[in-house]
């Protein structure tokens, strides 16, 4: 398990945002490339950073029990003999415009399956090409916000692809995320994998070094995907649709960090939205 530290300048006039990008599934027919590229453009033009949390490529090839021709994006059907590489290359090219905003990358279950079966580590290739450090799953991203040369405020974020979250009901996913707080201390917990989008908040009470009590909060974020589970008005179907998974639609969560002052002291206020 590791932690990656990122130093970021912040001011009351210049808030900072963080977007987890995961479950992109490059190569799947349901991948919404327009939504994906628009998200990249927005990140490039704002004060936004990124963590990559896995399943960046679909990586379902002929030896996978889920493989079916209709679920392959048409642009990749001519590359079935080199599918994993072509999808990885496509993802890298898409992320190039914001490579300086990417804090860390960790693999999803799709990348791990390919690594085990074919000895092809897409996460390592992406990391090398974009110059991004690899985070363990789980792992910590530590954001150090610098208000001045002598003033630093910190937020600790526990990141995971989300393979620990099972079940079809949202309640089971929420419970699994909130259970993390029993073993891992953090201000924010982020996971993907389920293609769902939600944020929950748990309020806590903390004493400071002088014994003064105050409220604080822990946020639990499930960050969506870049994939349509069902491609509507077509005859395409596949493993996921026949399993009757919930109709997921593309969406990305945004975590905003705002520098505020209360009783003469600065603090970072955090809000999450889609």
C-alpha atoms as a PDB file:
ATOM      1  CA  UNK A   1       0.000   0.000   0.000  1.00  0.00           C
ATOM      2  CA  UNK A   2       1.358   3.434  -0.834  1.00  0.00           C
ATOM      3  CA  UNK A   3       0.549   7.135  -0.732  1.00  0.00           C
ATOM      4  CA  UNK A   4       1.164   9.821  -3.343  1.00  0.00           C
ATOM      5  CA  UNK A   5       1.508  13.440  -2.255  1.00  0.00           C
ATOM      6  CA  UNK A   6       0.463  16.336  -4.482  1.00  0.00           C
ATOM      7  CA  UNK A   7       1.270  19.967  -3.687  1.00  0.00           C
ATOM      8  CA  UNK A   8      -1.324  22.435  -4.980  1.00  0.00           C
ATOM      9  CA  UNK A   9      -1.597  26.202  -4.635  1.00  0.00           C
ATOM     10  CA  UNK A  10      -4.998  27.491  -3.550  1.00  0.00           C
ATOM     11  CA  UNK A  11      -6.561  30.852  -2.761  1.00  0.00           C
ATOM     12  CA  UNK A  12     -10.002  32.190  -1.924  1.00  0.00           C
ATOM     13  CA  UNK A  13     -10.273  33.369  -5.533  1.00  0.00           C
ATOM     14  CA  UNK A  14      -8.949  30.174  -7.096  1.00  0.00           C
ATOM     15  CA  UNK A  15     -10.655  26.977  -5.852  1.00  0.00           C
ATOM     16  CA  UNK A  16      -9.370  23.573  -6.922  1.00  0.00           C
ATOM     17  CA  UNK A  17     -11.317  20.584  -8.248  1.00  0.00           C
ATOM     18  CA  UNK A  18     -10.514  16.876  -8.408  1.00  0.00           C
ATOM     19  CA  UNK A  19     -12.220  14.454 -10.809  1.00  0.00           C
ATOM     20  CA  UNK A  20     -11.869  10.690 -10.518  1.00  0.00           C
ATOM     21  CA  UNK A  21     -11.823   9.170 -14.013  1.00  0.00           C
ATOM     22  CA  UNK A  22     -12.485   5.452 -14.231  1.00  0.00           C
ATOM     23  CA  UNK A  23     -14.652   2.869 -15.938  1.00  0.00           C
ATOM     24  CA  UNK A  24     -13.992   4.544 -19.280  1.00  0.00           C
ATOM     25  CA  UNK A  25     -14.045   1.158 -21.050  1.00  0.00           C
ATOM     26  CA  UNK A  26     -12.303   2.256 -24.238  1.00  0.00           C
ATOM     27  CA  UNK A  27     -13.194  -0.347 -26.868  1.00  0.00           C
ATOM     28  CA  UNK A  28     -16.721  -1.144 -25.710  1.00  0.00           C
ATOM     29  CA  UNK A  29     -19.566  -0.203 -28.025  1.00  0.00           C
ATOM     30  CA  UNK A  30     -21.261   1.592 -25.125  1.00  0.00           C
ATOM     31  CA  UNK A  31     -18.311   3.909 -24.470  1.00  0.00           C
ATOM     32  CA  UNK A  32     -19.500   7.515 -24.891  1.00  0.00           C
ATOM     33  CA  UNK A  33     -16.518   9.125 -26.565  1.00  0.00           C
ATOM     34  CA  UNK A  34     -18.206  12.507 -26.960  1.00  0.00           C
ATOM     35  CA  UNK A  35     -18.882  12.724 -23.229  1.00  0.00           C
ATOM     36  CA  UNK A  36     -15.330  11.542 -22.498  1.00  0.00           C
ATOM     37  CA  UNK A  37     -13.624  14.082 -24.767  1.00  0.00           C
ATOM     38  CA  UNK A  38     -15.837  16.906 -23.494  1.00  0.00           C
ATOM     39  CA  UNK A  39     -14.803  16.011 -19.947  1.00  0.00           C
ATOM     40  CA  UNK A  40     -11.142  16.147 -20.960  1.00  0.00           C
ATOM     41  CA  UNK A  41     -11.646  19.587 -22.540  1.00  0.00           C
ATOM     42  CA  UNK A  42     -13.376  20.891 -19.429  1.00  0.00           C
ATOM     43  CA  UNK A  43     -10.576  19.628 -17.172  1.00  0.00           C
ATOM     44  CA  UNK A  44      -7.935  21.241 -19.389  1.00  0.00           C
ATOM     45  CA  UNK A  45      -9.658  24.631 -19.187  1.00  0.00           C
ATOM     46  CA  UNK A  46     -10.260  24.641 -15.416  1.00  0.00           C
ATOM     47  CA  UNK A  47      -8.183  24.324 -12.257  1.00  0.00           C
ATOM     48  CA  UNK A  48      -8.910  20.601 -12.051  1.00  0.00           C
ATOM     49  CA  UNK A  49      -6.775  17.570 -11.230  1.00  0.00           C
ATOM     50  CA  UNK A  50      -7.434  13.903 -11.977  1.00  0.00           C
ATOM     51  CA  UNK A  51      -6.977  10.476 -10.433  1.00  0.00           C
ATOM     52  CA  UNK A  52      -7.328   7.461 -12.739  1.00  0.00           C
ATOM     53  CA  UNK A  53      -9.028   4.590 -10.935  1.00  0.00           C
ATOM     54  CA  UNK A  54      -9.112   1.698 -13.375  1.00  0.00           C
ATOM     55  CA  UNK A  55     -11.049   0.031 -16.178  1.00  0.00           C
ATOM     56  CA  UNK A  56      -9.678   2.608 -18.572  1.00  0.00           C
ATOM     57  CA  UNK A  57      -9.779   0.002 -21.341  1.00  0.00           C
ATOM     58  CA  UNK A  58     -12.475  -2.621 -21.853  1.00  0.00           C
ATOM     59  CA  UNK A  59      -9.892  -5.315 -22.661  1.00  0.00           C
ATOM     60  CA  UNK A  60     -12.413  -8.067 -23.388  1.00  0.00           C
ATOM     61  CA  UNK A  61     -10.881 -10.199 -26.133  1.00  0.00           C
ATOM     62  CA  UNK A  62     -11.623 -13.605 -27.632  1.00  0.00           C
ATOM     63  CA  UNK A  63     -10.474 -15.691 -24.670  1.00  0.00           C
ATOM     64  CA  UNK A  64     -12.713 -13.839 -22.234  1.00  0.00           C
ATOM     65  CA  UNK A  65     -16.069 -15.491 -21.485  1.00  0.00           C
ATOM     66  CA  UNK A  66     -17.741 -12.062 -21.893  1.00  0.00           C
ATOM     67  CA  UNK A  67     -16.425 -11.566 -25.441  1.00  0.00           C
ATOM     68  CA  UNK A  68     -19.017 -10.976 -28.139  1.00  0.00           C
ATOM     69  CA  UNK A  69     -18.466  -9.166 -31.444  1.00  0.00           C
ATOM     70  CA  UNK A  70     -21.448  -6.785 -31.073  1.00  0.00           C
ATOM     71  CA  UNK A  71     -20.003  -5.356 -27.844  1.00  0.00           C
ATOM     72  CA  UNK A  72     -16.740  -4.309 -29.538  1.00  0.00           C
ATOM     73  CA  UNK A  73     -16.592  -0.681 -30.652  1.00  0.00           C
ATOM     74  CA  UNK A  74     -16.534  -0.853 -34.487  1.00  0.00           C
ATOM     75  CA  UNK A  75     -13.306   1.145 -34.654  1.00  0.00           C
ATOM     76  CA  UNK A  76     -11.518  -1.704 -32.829  1.00  0.00           C
ATOM     77  CA  UNK A  77     -12.987  -4.726 -34.628  1.00  0.00           C
ATOM     78  CA  UNK A  78     -10.133  -4.738 -37.139  1.00  0.00           C
ATOM     79  CA  UNK A  79      -7.656  -4.920 -34.236  1.00  0.00           C
ATOM     80  CA  UNK A  80      -8.827  -8.149 -32.593  1.00  0.00           C
ATOM     81  CA  UNK A  81      -5.312  -9.587 -32.852  1.00  0.00           C
ATOM     82  CA  UNK A  82      -3.881  -6.610 -30.917  1.00  0.00           C
ATOM     83  CA  UNK A  83      -6.913  -5.336 -29.039  1.00  0.00           C
ATOM     84  CA  UNK A  84      -5.404  -4.535 -25.645  1.00  0.00           C
ATOM     85  CA  UNK A  85      -2.564  -2.484 -27.104  1.00  0.00           C
ATOM     86  CA  UNK A  86      -4.830  -0.532 -29.472  1.00  0.00           C
ATOM     87  CA  UNK A  87      -7.257   0.344 -26.688  1.00  0.00           C
ATOM     88  CA  UNK A  88      -4.409   1.409 -24.413  1.00  0.00           C
ATOM     89  CA  UNK A  89      -2.917   3.576 -27.157  1.00  0.00           C
ATOM     90  CA  UNK A  90      -6.296   5.195 -27.769  1.00  0.00           C
ATOM     91  CA  UNK A  91      -6.708   6.008 -24.070  1.00  0.00           C
ATOM     92  CA  UNK A  92      -3.207   7.479 -23.817  1.00  0.00           C
ATOM     93  CA  UNK A  93      -3.785   9.736 -26.824  1.00  0.00           C
ATOM     94  CA  UNK A  94      -7.088  10.937 -25.347  1.00  0.00           C
ATOM     95  CA  UNK A  95      -5.444  11.785 -21.998  1.00  0.00           C
ATOM     96  CA  UNK A  96      -2.381  13.569 -23.442  1.00  0.00           C
ATOM     97  CA  UNK A  97      -3.946  17.072 -23.281  1.00  0.00           C
ATOM     98  CA  UNK A  98      -4.259  16.792 -19.473  1.00  0.00           C
ATOM     99  CA  UNK A  99      -1.263  14.620 -18.611  1.00  0.00           C
ATOM    100  CA  UNK A 100       0.077  17.374 -16.336  1.00  0.00           C
ATOM    101  CA  UNK A 101      -3.141  17.241 -14.272  1.00  0.00           C
ATOM    102  CA  UNK A 102      -3.055  13.504 -13.519  1.00  0.00           C
ATOM    103  CA  UNK A 103      -1.961  12.779  -9.954  1.00  0.00           C
ATOM    104  CA  UNK A 104      -1.997   8.975  -9.956  1.00  0.00           C
ATOM    105  CA  UNK A 105      -3.257   5.838 -11.689  1.00  0.00           C
ATOM    106  CA  UNK A 106      -4.332   2.437 -10.384  1.00  0.00           C
ATOM    107  CA  UNK A 107      -5.640  -0.603 -12.302  1.00  0.00           C
ATOM    108  CA  UNK A 108      -9.200  -1.873 -12.491  1.00  0.00           C
ATOM    109  CA  UNK A 109     -10.350  -5.458 -12.732  1.00  0.00           C
ATOM    110  CA  UNK A 110     -10.248  -5.307 -16.559  1.00  0.00           C
ATOM    111  CA  UNK A 111      -6.564  -4.307 -16.588  1.00  0.00           C
ATOM    112  CA  UNK A 112      -5.725  -6.871 -13.905  1.00  0.00           C
ATOM    113  CA  UNK A 113      -7.409  -9.679 -15.881  1.00  0.00           C
ATOM    114  CA  UNK A 114      -5.344  -8.818 -18.965  1.00  0.00           C
ATOM    115  CA  UNK A 115      -2.161  -8.640 -16.902  1.00  0.00           C
ATOM    116  CA  UNK A 116      -2.797 -12.105 -15.456  1.00  0.00           C
ATOM    117  CA  UNK A 117      -3.899 -13.799 -18.675  1.00  0.00           C
ATOM    118  CA  UNK A 118      -1.675 -12.118 -21.254  1.00  0.00           C
ATOM    119  CA  UNK A 119       1.221 -10.569 -19.291  1.00  0.00           C
ATOM    120  CA  UNK A 120       0.254  -7.171 -20.666  1.00  0.00           C
ATOM    121  CA  UNK A 121       0.233  -4.446 -18.020  1.00  0.00           C
ATOM    122  CA  UNK A 122      -1.850  -1.634 -19.530  1.00  0.00           C
ATOM    123  CA  UNK A 123      -1.594   0.407 -16.329  1.00  0.00           C
ATOM    124  CA  UNK A 124       2.211   0.345 -16.478  1.00  0.00           C
ATOM    125  CA  UNK A 125       2.155   1.352 -20.147  1.00  0.00           C
ATOM    126  CA  UNK A 126      -0.180   4.271 -19.422  1.00  0.00           C
ATOM    127  CA  UNK A 127       1.918   5.266 -16.408  1.00  0.00           C
ATOM    128  CA  UNK A 128       5.145   5.269 -18.440  1.00  0.00           C
ATOM    129  CA  UNK A 129       3.656   7.130 -21.406  1.00  0.00           C
ATOM    130  CA  UNK A 130       1.967   9.851 -19.362  1.00  0.00           C
ATOM    131  CA  UNK A 131       4.565  10.080 -16.592  1.00  0.00           C
ATOM    132  CA  UNK A 132       2.020   9.263 -13.883  1.00  0.00           C
ATOM    133  CA  UNK A 133       2.882   7.405 -10.635  1.00  0.00           C
ATOM    134  CA  UNK A 134       1.100   4.122  -9.933  1.00  0.00           C
ATOM    135  CA  UNK A 135      -1.086   3.967  -6.844  1.00  0.00           C
ATOM    136  CA  UNK A 136      -1.838   0.729  -5.033  1.00  0.00           C
ATOM    137  CA  UNK A 137      -5.419  -0.416  -4.555  1.00  0.00           C
ATOM    138  CA  UNK A 138      -6.262   0.846  -2.029  1.00  0.00           C
ATOM    139  CA  UNK A 139      -3.896   3.759  -1.753  1.00  0.00           C
ATOM    140  CA  UNK A 140      -3.838   7.319  -0.494  1.00  0.00           C
ATOM    141  CA  UNK A 141      -3.689  10.528  -2.464  1.00  0.00           C
ATOM    142  CA  UNK A 142      -2.623  13.297  -0.108  1.00  0.00           C
ATOM    143  CA  UNK A 143      -3.434  16.797  -1.283  1.00  0.00           C
ATOM    144  CA  UNK A 144      -1.357  19.534   0.347  1.00  0.00           C
ATOM    145  CA  UNK A 145      -2.956  22.904  -0.322  1.00  0.00           C
ATOM    146  CA  UNK A 146      -0.562  25.826  -0.022  1.00  0.00           C
ATOM    147  CA  UNK A 147      -2.138  29.171   0.839  1.00  0.00           C
ATOM    148  CA  UNK A 148       1.315  30.720   1.243  1.00  0.00           C
ATOM    149  CA  UNK A 149       4.900  29.599   1.725  1.00  0.00           C
ATOM    150  CA  UNK A 150       4.233  28.955   5.416  1.00  0.00           C
ATOM    151  CA  UNK A 151       0.569  27.863   5.406  1.00  0.00           C
ATOM    152  CA  UNK A 152      -0.452  24.352   4.323  1.00  0.00           C
ATOM    153  CA  UNK A 153      -3.775  22.590   4.653  1.00  0.00           C
ATOM    154  CA  UNK A 154      -4.158  18.876   3.920  1.00  0.00           C
ATOM    155  CA  UNK A 155      -6.854  16.509   2.711  1.00  0.00           C
ATOM    156  CA  UNK A 156      -6.344  12.746   2.714  1.00  0.00           C
ATOM    157  CA  UNK A 157      -8.145  10.704   0.055  1.00  0.00           C
ATOM    158  CA  UNK A 158      -8.418   6.923   0.063  1.00  0.00           C
ATOM    159  CA  UNK A 159      -8.710   5.644  -3.516  1.00  0.00           C
ATOM    160  CA  UNK A 160      -9.773   2.245  -4.828  1.00  0.00           C
ATOM    161  CA  UNK A 161     -11.117   0.869  -8.069  1.00  0.00           C
ATOM    162  CA  UNK A 162     -14.001  -0.471  -5.997  1.00  0.00           C
ATOM    163  CA  UNK A 163     -13.809  -4.216  -6.506  1.00  0.00           C
ATOM    164  CA  UNK A 164     -14.885  -4.653  -2.875  1.00  0.00           C
ATOM    165  CA  UNK A 165     -18.355  -3.275  -3.689  1.00  0.00           C
ATOM    166  CA  UNK A 166     -20.765  -6.015  -4.699  1.00  0.00           C
ATOM    167  CA  UNK A 167     -24.519  -6.329  -4.965  1.00  0.00           C
ATOM    168  CA  UNK A 168     -27.101  -4.675  -7.175  1.00  0.00           C
ATOM    169  CA  UNK A 169     -28.728  -2.477  -4.543  1.00  0.00           C
ATOM    170  CA  UNK A 170     -27.255   0.948  -3.876  1.00  0.00           C
ATOM    171  CA  UNK A 171     -27.543   0.385  -0.130  1.00  0.00           C
ATOM    172  CA  UNK A 172     -24.979  -2.422  -0.238  1.00  0.00           C
ATOM    173  CA  UNK A 173     -22.569  -0.170  -2.139  1.00  0.00           C
ATOM    174  CA  UNK A 174     -23.008   2.689   0.312  1.00  0.00           C
ATOM    175  CA  UNK A 175     -22.478   0.348   3.265  1.00  0.00           C
ATOM    176  CA  UNK A 176     -19.334  -1.119   1.705  1.00  0.00           C
ATOM    177  CA  UNK A 177     -17.850   2.343   1.176  1.00  0.00           C
ATOM    178  CA  UNK A 178     -18.720   3.645   4.633  1.00  0.00           C
ATOM    179  CA  UNK A 179     -17.280   0.485   6.216  1.00  0.00           C
ATOM    180  CA  UNK A 180     -13.860   1.554   4.939  1.00  0.00           C
ATOM    181  CA  UNK A 181     -13.746   4.244   7.610  1.00  0.00           C
ATOM    182  CA  UNK A 182     -13.409   1.540  10.272  1.00  0.00           C
ATOM    183  CA  UNK A 183      -9.960   0.554   8.984  1.00  0.00           C
ATOM    184  CA  UNK A 184      -8.698   3.469   6.885  1.00  0.00           C
ATOM    185  CA  UNK A 185      -8.743   7.061   8.071  1.00  0.00           C
ATOM    186  CA  UNK A 186      -9.369   9.663   5.385  1.00  0.00           C
ATOM    187  CA  UNK A 187     -11.330  12.800   4.647  1.00  0.00           C
ATOM    188  CA  UNK A 188     -12.640  11.474   1.331  1.00  0.00           C
ATOM    189  CA  UNK A 189     -13.126   7.931   0.032  1.00  0.00           C
ATOM    190  CA  UNK A 190     -13.379   7.421  -3.744  1.00  0.00           C
ATOM    191  CA  UNK A 191     -14.238   4.248  -5.660  1.00  0.00           C
ATOM    192  CA  UNK A 192     -15.590   3.222  -9.037  1.00  0.00           C
ATOM    193  CA  UNK A 193     -16.361  -0.195 -10.531  1.00  0.00           C
ATOM    194  CA  UNK A 194     -20.158  -0.126 -10.038  1.00  0.00           C
ATOM    195  CA  UNK A 195     -20.750   2.554 -12.731  1.00  0.00           C
ATOM    196  CA  UNK A 196     -23.001   4.267 -10.205  1.00  0.00           C
ATOM    197  CA  UNK A 197     -22.850   7.910  -9.098  1.00  0.00           C
ATOM    198  CA  UNK A 198     -23.475   8.922  -5.521  1.00  0.00           C
ATOM    199  CA  UNK A 199     -21.986  10.757  -2.581  1.00  0.00           C
ATOM    200  CA  UNK A 200     -22.757  10.174   1.086  1.00  0.00           C
ATOM    201  CA  UNK A 201     -21.561  12.087   4.123  1.00  0.00           C
ATOM    202  CA  UNK A 202     -20.797  10.982   7.646  1.00  0.00           C
ATOM    203  CA  UNK A 203     -20.450  13.732  10.239  1.00  0.00           C
ATOM    204  CA  UNK A 204     -17.864  13.283  12.990  1.00  0.00           C
ATOM    205  CA  UNK A 205     -16.703  15.254  16.034  1.00  0.00           C
ATOM    206  CA  UNK A 206     -13.005  15.982  16.504  1.00  0.00           C
ATOM    207  CA  UNK A 207     -11.090  17.589  19.383  1.00  0.00           C
ATOM    208  CA  UNK A 208      -8.122  19.811  18.513  1.00  0.00           C
ATOM    209  CA  UNK A 209      -4.842  20.027  20.437  1.00  0.00           C
ATOM    210  CA  UNK A 210      -6.453  22.453  22.929  1.00  0.00           C
ATOM    211  CA  UNK A 211      -9.435  20.204  23.584  1.00  0.00           C
ATOM    212  CA  UNK A 212     -11.858  22.319  21.584  1.00  0.00           C
ATOM    213  CA  UNK A 213     -14.497  20.219  19.869  1.00  0.00           C
ATOM    214  CA  UNK A 214     -15.743  20.829  16.324  1.00  0.00           C
ATOM    215  CA  UNK A 215     -17.695  19.081  13.604  1.00  0.00           C
ATOM    216  CA  UNK A 216     -15.973  17.575  10.602  1.00  0.00           C
ATOM    217  CA  UNK A 217     -17.140  15.283   7.821  1.00  0.00           C
ATOM    218  CA  UNK A 218     -16.098  12.243   5.827  1.00  0.00           C
ATOM    219  CA  UNK A 219     -17.261  11.979   2.220  1.00  0.00           C
ATOM    220  CA  UNK A 220     -17.807   8.744   0.294  1.00  0.00           C
ATOM    221  CA  UNK A 221     -17.865   9.116  -3.486  1.00  0.00           C
ATOM    222  CA  UNK A 222     -18.798   6.547  -6.119  1.00  0.00           C
ATOM    223  CA  UNK A 223     -17.698   8.196  -9.321  1.00  0.00           C
ATOM    224  CA  UNK A 224     -19.777   6.983 -12.289  1.00  0.00           C
ATOM    225  CA  UNK A 225     -18.396   5.846 -15.662  1.00  0.00           C
ATOM    226  CA  UNK A 226     -18.038   6.791 -19.325  1.00  0.00           C
ATOM    227  CA  UNK A 227     -20.244   3.932 -20.475  1.00  0.00           C
ATOM    228  CA  UNK A 228     -23.826   3.266 -21.486  1.00  0.00           C
ATOM    229  CA  UNK A 229     -24.820  -0.174 -20.185  1.00  0.00           C
ATOM    230  CA  UNK A 230     -27.448  -0.389 -22.921  1.00  0.00           C
ATOM    231  CA  UNK A 231     -26.971   0.949 -26.462  1.00  0.00           C
ATOM    232  CA  UNK A 232     -30.521   2.034 -27.165  1.00  0.00           C
ATOM    233  CA  UNK A 233     -32.370   1.587 -30.458  1.00  0.00           C
ATOM    234  CA  UNK A 234     -29.894  -0.993 -31.745  1.00  0.00           C
ATOM    235  CA  UNK A 235     -29.861  -4.774 -31.839  1.00  0.00           C
ATOM    236  CA  UNK A 236     -26.589  -4.859 -29.885  1.00  0.00           C
ATOM    237  CA  UNK A 237     -26.622  -6.817 -26.676  1.00  0.00           C
ATOM    238  CA  UNK A 238     -24.082  -8.693 -24.658  1.00  0.00           C
ATOM    239  CA  UNK A 239     -23.114 -10.240 -21.359  1.00  0.00           C
ATOM    240  CA  UNK A 240     -23.913  -7.167 -19.240  1.00  0.00           C
ATOM    241  CA  UNK A 241     -27.317  -6.514 -20.799  1.00  0.00           C
ATOM    242  CA  UNK A 242     -28.454 -10.118 -20.444  1.00  0.00           C
ATOM    243  CA  UNK A 243     -27.479  -9.937 -16.787  1.00  0.00           C
ATOM    244  CA  UNK A 244     -30.023  -7.094 -16.573  1.00  0.00           C
ATOM    245  CA  UNK A 245     -27.598  -4.716 -14.941  1.00  0.00           C
ATOM    246  CA  UNK A 246     -29.015  -1.321 -13.994  1.00  0.00           C
ATOM    247  CA  UNK A 247     -29.028   1.132 -16.934  1.00  0.00           C
ATOM    248  CA  UNK A 248     -25.857   3.096 -16.318  1.00  0.00           C
ATOM    249  CA  UNK A 249     -25.287   6.347 -18.220  1.00  0.00           C
ATOM    250  CA  UNK A 250     -22.054   8.367 -18.498  1.00  0.00           C
ATOM    251  CA  UNK A 251     -21.328  10.708 -15.641  1.00  0.00           C
ATOM    252  CA  UNK A 252     -18.340  12.038 -13.705  1.00  0.00           C
ATOM    253  CA  UNK A 253     -18.188  13.283 -10.130  1.00  0.00           C
ATOM    254  CA  UNK A 254     -16.432  16.546  -9.295  1.00  0.00           C
ATOM    255  CA  UNK A 255     -14.903  17.277  -5.896  1.00  0.00           C
ATOM    256  CA  UNK A 256     -14.429  20.990  -5.215  1.00  0.00           C
ATOM    257  CA  UNK A 257     -11.968  22.319  -2.636  1.00  0.00           C
ATOM    258  CA  UNK A 258     -12.578  25.885  -1.476  1.00  0.00           C
ATOM    259  CA  UNK A 259     -10.359  27.929   0.808  1.00  0.00           C
ATOM    260  CA  UNK A 260     -12.456  29.582   3.506  1.00  0.00           C
ATOM    261  CA  UNK A 261     -11.943  31.385   6.798  1.00  0.00           C
ATOM    262  CA  UNK A 262     -13.742  30.922  10.108  1.00  0.00           C
ATOM    263  CA  UNK A 263     -12.903  32.653  13.367  1.00  0.00           C
ATOM    264  CA  UNK A 264      -9.638  33.892  11.904  1.00  0.00           C
ATOM    265  CA  UNK A 265      -8.491  30.475  10.701  1.00  0.00           C
ATOM    266  CA  UNK A 266      -8.326  29.086   7.190  1.00  0.00           C
ATOM    267  CA  UNK A 267      -9.815  25.729   6.313  1.00  0.00           C
ATOM    268  CA  UNK A 268     -10.653  23.719   3.189  1.00  0.00           C
ATOM    269  CA  UNK A 269     -14.346  23.278   2.526  1.00  0.00           C
ATOM    270  CA  UNK A 270     -15.212  20.294   0.306  1.00  0.00           C
ATOM    271  CA  UNK A 271     -18.260  19.805  -1.887  1.00  0.00           C
ATOM    272  CA  UNK A 272     -19.085  17.015  -4.358  1.00  0.00           C
ATOM    273  CA  UNK A 273     -21.329  17.263  -7.406  1.00  0.00           C
ATOM    274  CA  UNK A 274     -21.783  15.703 -10.826  1.00  0.00           C
END
